[in-house]
Each structure stands twice: as C-alpha cells, then as structure tokens.
Amino acid sequence: MAVPKRRTSKRRKRARNTHKVAPAIVIQSCPQCGTMKRPHRVCNGCGFYAGEQRVTAQEA
C-alpha cells in the first residue's frame, strides 16, 4: 500500500487546490424593467422572460 514519505505542507496543498473555487454568480439587468436578475430566468420584478410575460409580477 502506498504511503506518503513526507507530510504535504499547507503551501503545497493550497497550491494544488487553487482551482477548486466556486464560480461567481452572474447577474445582469432585465431588458424590460432594469432590475438585476440571473440569466435565463424569469424576472422577479416584471415577470418577463424572452420578451414575453410568463408569470404575474410580484407586488412590492
């Protein structure tokens, strides 16, 4: 069975794991009302998606 000869240092371990980061959440403005929303999702402010009203707008 393989056993490491030496302990892995914190620096070497962290350098190996630098790519394991969650991607940043993308937010864009709605073309209808201008509120910020996630792409490819119905806008919470106006209820529009792809230029059509899909759901009723939530009352503020």
N, C-alpha and C. Protein backbone atom coordinates (compact mmCIF):
# COMPACT_ATOMS: atom_id res chain seq x y z
N MET A 1 0.83 -1.17 0.00
CA MET A 1 0.00 0.00 0.00
C MET A 1 0.89 1.25 0.00
N ALA A 2 0.50 2.22 -0.82
CA ALA A 2 1.32 3.43 -0.94
C ALA A 2 1.07 4.35 0.24
N VAL A 3 2.16 4.81 0.84
CA VAL A 3 2.10 5.73 1.97
C VAL A 3 3.03 6.89 1.66
N PRO A 4 2.58 8.15 1.89
CA PRO A 4 3.45 9.27 1.61
C PRO A 4 4.70 9.26 2.49
N LYS A 5 5.85 9.57 1.87
CA LYS A 5 7.09 9.56 2.62
C LYS A 5 7.21 10.76 3.54
N ARG A 6 6.65 11.93 3.07
CA ARG A 6 6.70 13.14 3.88
C ARG A 6 5.32 13.78 3.92
N ARG A 7 5.11 14.58 4.94
CA ARG A 7 3.84 15.29 5.10
C ARG A 7 3.73 16.38 4.03
N THR A 8 2.54 16.56 3.47
CA THR A 8 2.31 17.62 2.49
C THR A 8 2.14 18.94 3.25
N SER A 9 2.92 19.93 2.88
CA SER A 9 2.85 21.22 3.56
C SER A 9 1.56 21.96 3.18
N LYS A 10 1.18 22.95 4.00
CA LYS A 10 -0.01 23.74 3.74
C LYS A 10 0.10 24.47 2.41
N ARG A 11 1.29 24.99 2.14
CA ARG A 11 1.51 25.73 0.90
C ARG A 11 1.31 24.84 -0.32
N ARG A 12 1.88 23.67 -0.30
CA ARG A 12 1.75 22.75 -1.44
C ARG A 12 0.31 22.27 -1.59
N LYS A 13 -0.37 22.01 -0.48
CA LYS A 13 -1.76 21.57 -0.52
C LYS A 13 -2.66 22.66 -1.07
N ARG A 14 -2.45 23.90 -0.60
CA ARG A 14 -3.28 25.01 -1.06
C ARG A 14 -3.00 25.35 -2.52
N ALA A 15 -1.75 25.22 -2.96
CA ALA A 15 -1.42 25.47 -4.36
C ALA A 15 -2.10 24.45 -5.27
N ARG A 16 -2.23 23.22 -4.80
CA ARG A 16 -2.88 22.18 -5.58
C ARG A 16 -4.38 22.40 -5.66
N ASN A 17 -4.96 23.01 -4.63
CA ASN A 17 -6.42 23.18 -4.56
C ASN A 17 -6.90 24.55 -5.01
N THR A 18 -6.06 25.36 -5.64
CA THR A 18 -6.47 26.71 -6.03
C THR A 18 -7.58 26.71 -7.06
N HIS A 19 -7.68 25.70 -7.90
CA HIS A 19 -8.71 25.66 -8.94
C HIS A 19 -10.05 25.19 -8.41
N LYS A 20 -10.14 24.77 -7.17
CA LYS A 20 -11.39 24.27 -6.59
C LYS A 20 -12.18 25.40 -5.95
N VAL A 21 -12.55 26.40 -6.74
CA VAL A 21 -13.26 27.57 -6.25
C VAL A 21 -14.62 27.63 -6.94
N ALA A 22 -15.65 27.97 -6.20
CA ALA A 22 -16.98 28.10 -6.78
C ALA A 22 -16.99 29.30 -7.74
N PRO A 23 -17.62 29.17 -8.91
CA PRO A 23 -17.66 30.30 -9.84
C PRO A 23 -18.54 31.42 -9.30
N ALA A 24 -18.24 32.63 -9.71
CA ALA A 24 -19.02 33.79 -9.29
C ALA A 24 -20.40 33.76 -9.94
N ILE A 25 -21.41 34.21 -9.22
CA ILE A 25 -22.77 34.22 -9.73
C ILE A 25 -22.91 35.38 -10.71
N VAL A 26 -23.41 35.09 -11.90
CA VAL A 26 -23.58 36.09 -12.94
C VAL A 26 -24.93 36.77 -12.75
N ILE A 27 -24.93 38.09 -12.76
CA ILE A 27 -26.17 38.87 -12.63
C ILE A 27 -26.18 39.91 -13.74
N GLN A 28 -27.34 40.04 -14.38
CA GLN A 28 -27.48 41.02 -15.45
C GLN A 28 -28.79 41.78 -15.26
N SER A 29 -28.92 42.88 -15.95
CA SER A 29 -30.14 43.68 -15.80
C SER A 29 -31.23 43.17 -16.74
N CYS A 30 -32.46 43.27 -16.29
CA CYS A 30 -33.62 42.85 -17.08
C CYS A 30 -33.85 43.87 -18.20
N PRO A 31 -34.04 43.43 -19.44
CA PRO A 31 -34.26 44.40 -20.53
C PRO A 31 -35.61 45.11 -20.43
N GLN A 32 -36.57 44.55 -19.71
CA GLN A 32 -37.89 45.16 -19.59
C GLN A 32 -37.93 46.24 -18.50
N CYS A 33 -37.51 45.86 -17.27
CA CYS A 33 -37.68 46.79 -16.14
C CYS A 33 -36.35 47.29 -15.58
N GLY A 34 -35.23 46.64 -15.89
CA GLY A 34 -33.93 47.12 -15.45
C GLY A 34 -33.47 46.57 -14.11
N THR A 35 -34.27 45.73 -13.45
CA THR A 35 -33.82 45.14 -12.19
C THR A 35 -32.79 44.06 -12.47
N MET A 36 -31.99 43.76 -11.46
CA MET A 36 -30.94 42.76 -11.63
C MET A 36 -31.52 41.36 -11.46
N LYS A 37 -31.10 40.42 -12.35
CA LYS A 37 -31.60 39.06 -12.30
C LYS A 37 -30.55 38.10 -12.84
N ARG A 38 -30.73 36.81 -12.56
CA ARG A 38 -29.86 35.79 -13.11
C ARG A 38 -30.23 35.55 -14.57
N PRO A 39 -29.28 35.23 -15.44
CA PRO A 39 -29.62 34.99 -16.84
C PRO A 39 -30.43 33.71 -17.03
N HIS A 40 -31.27 33.67 -18.04
CA HIS A 40 -32.11 32.52 -18.39
C HIS A 40 -33.11 32.19 -17.29
N ARG A 41 -33.59 33.22 -16.59
CA ARG A 41 -34.60 33.03 -15.56
C ARG A 41 -35.64 34.14 -15.68
N VAL A 42 -36.85 33.85 -15.21
CA VAL A 42 -37.92 34.84 -15.24
C VAL A 42 -37.58 35.95 -14.25
N CYS A 43 -37.81 37.18 -14.65
CA CYS A 43 -37.53 38.34 -13.79
C CYS A 43 -38.55 38.39 -12.65
N ASN A 44 -38.06 38.59 -11.41
CA ASN A 44 -38.96 38.69 -10.26
C ASN A 44 -39.72 40.01 -10.27
N GLY A 45 -39.14 41.03 -10.87
CA GLY A 45 -39.77 42.34 -10.84
C GLY A 45 -40.96 42.46 -11.78
N CYS A 46 -40.78 42.05 -13.03
CA CYS A 46 -41.85 42.25 -14.01
C CYS A 46 -42.47 40.95 -14.52
N GLY A 47 -41.81 39.81 -14.33
CA GLY A 47 -42.38 38.53 -14.76
C GLY A 47 -42.12 38.21 -16.22
N PHE A 48 -41.22 38.96 -16.87
CA PHE A 48 -40.93 38.73 -18.28
C PHE A 48 -39.76 37.76 -18.46
N TYR A 49 -39.80 36.98 -19.54
CA TYR A 49 -38.68 36.14 -19.95
C TYR A 49 -38.73 36.04 -21.47
N ALA A 50 -37.63 36.33 -22.12
CA ALA A 50 -37.50 36.28 -23.59
C ALA A 50 -38.53 37.18 -24.26
N GLY A 51 -38.81 38.34 -23.69
CA GLY A 51 -39.71 39.30 -24.31
C GLY A 51 -41.18 39.00 -24.11
N GLU A 52 -41.55 37.97 -23.37
CA GLU A 52 -42.94 37.63 -23.13
C GLU A 52 -43.21 37.57 -21.63
N GLN A 53 -44.43 37.96 -21.23
CA GLN A 53 -44.79 37.87 -19.82
C GLN A 53 -45.15 36.42 -19.52
N ARG A 54 -44.36 35.79 -18.65
CA ARG A 54 -44.56 34.38 -18.32
C ARG A 54 -45.34 34.20 -17.02
N VAL A 55 -45.09 35.06 -16.03
CA VAL A 55 -45.78 34.99 -14.75
C VAL A 55 -46.25 36.39 -14.38
N THR A 56 -47.18 36.46 -13.43
CA THR A 56 -47.63 37.77 -12.98
C THR A 56 -46.56 38.40 -12.11
N ALA A 57 -46.43 39.69 -12.19
CA ALA A 57 -45.39 40.41 -11.42
C ALA A 57 -45.75 40.39 -9.95
N GLN A 58 -44.72 40.30 -9.10
CA GLN A 58 -44.94 40.32 -7.66
C GLN A 58 -45.16 41.75 -7.19
N GLU A 59 -46.09 41.91 -6.26
CA GLU A 59 -46.38 43.24 -5.72
C GLU A 59 -45.30 43.63 -4.73
N ALA A 60 -44.80 44.86 -4.85
CA ALA A 60 -43.72 45.33 -3.97
C ALA A 60 -44.27 45.93 -2.70
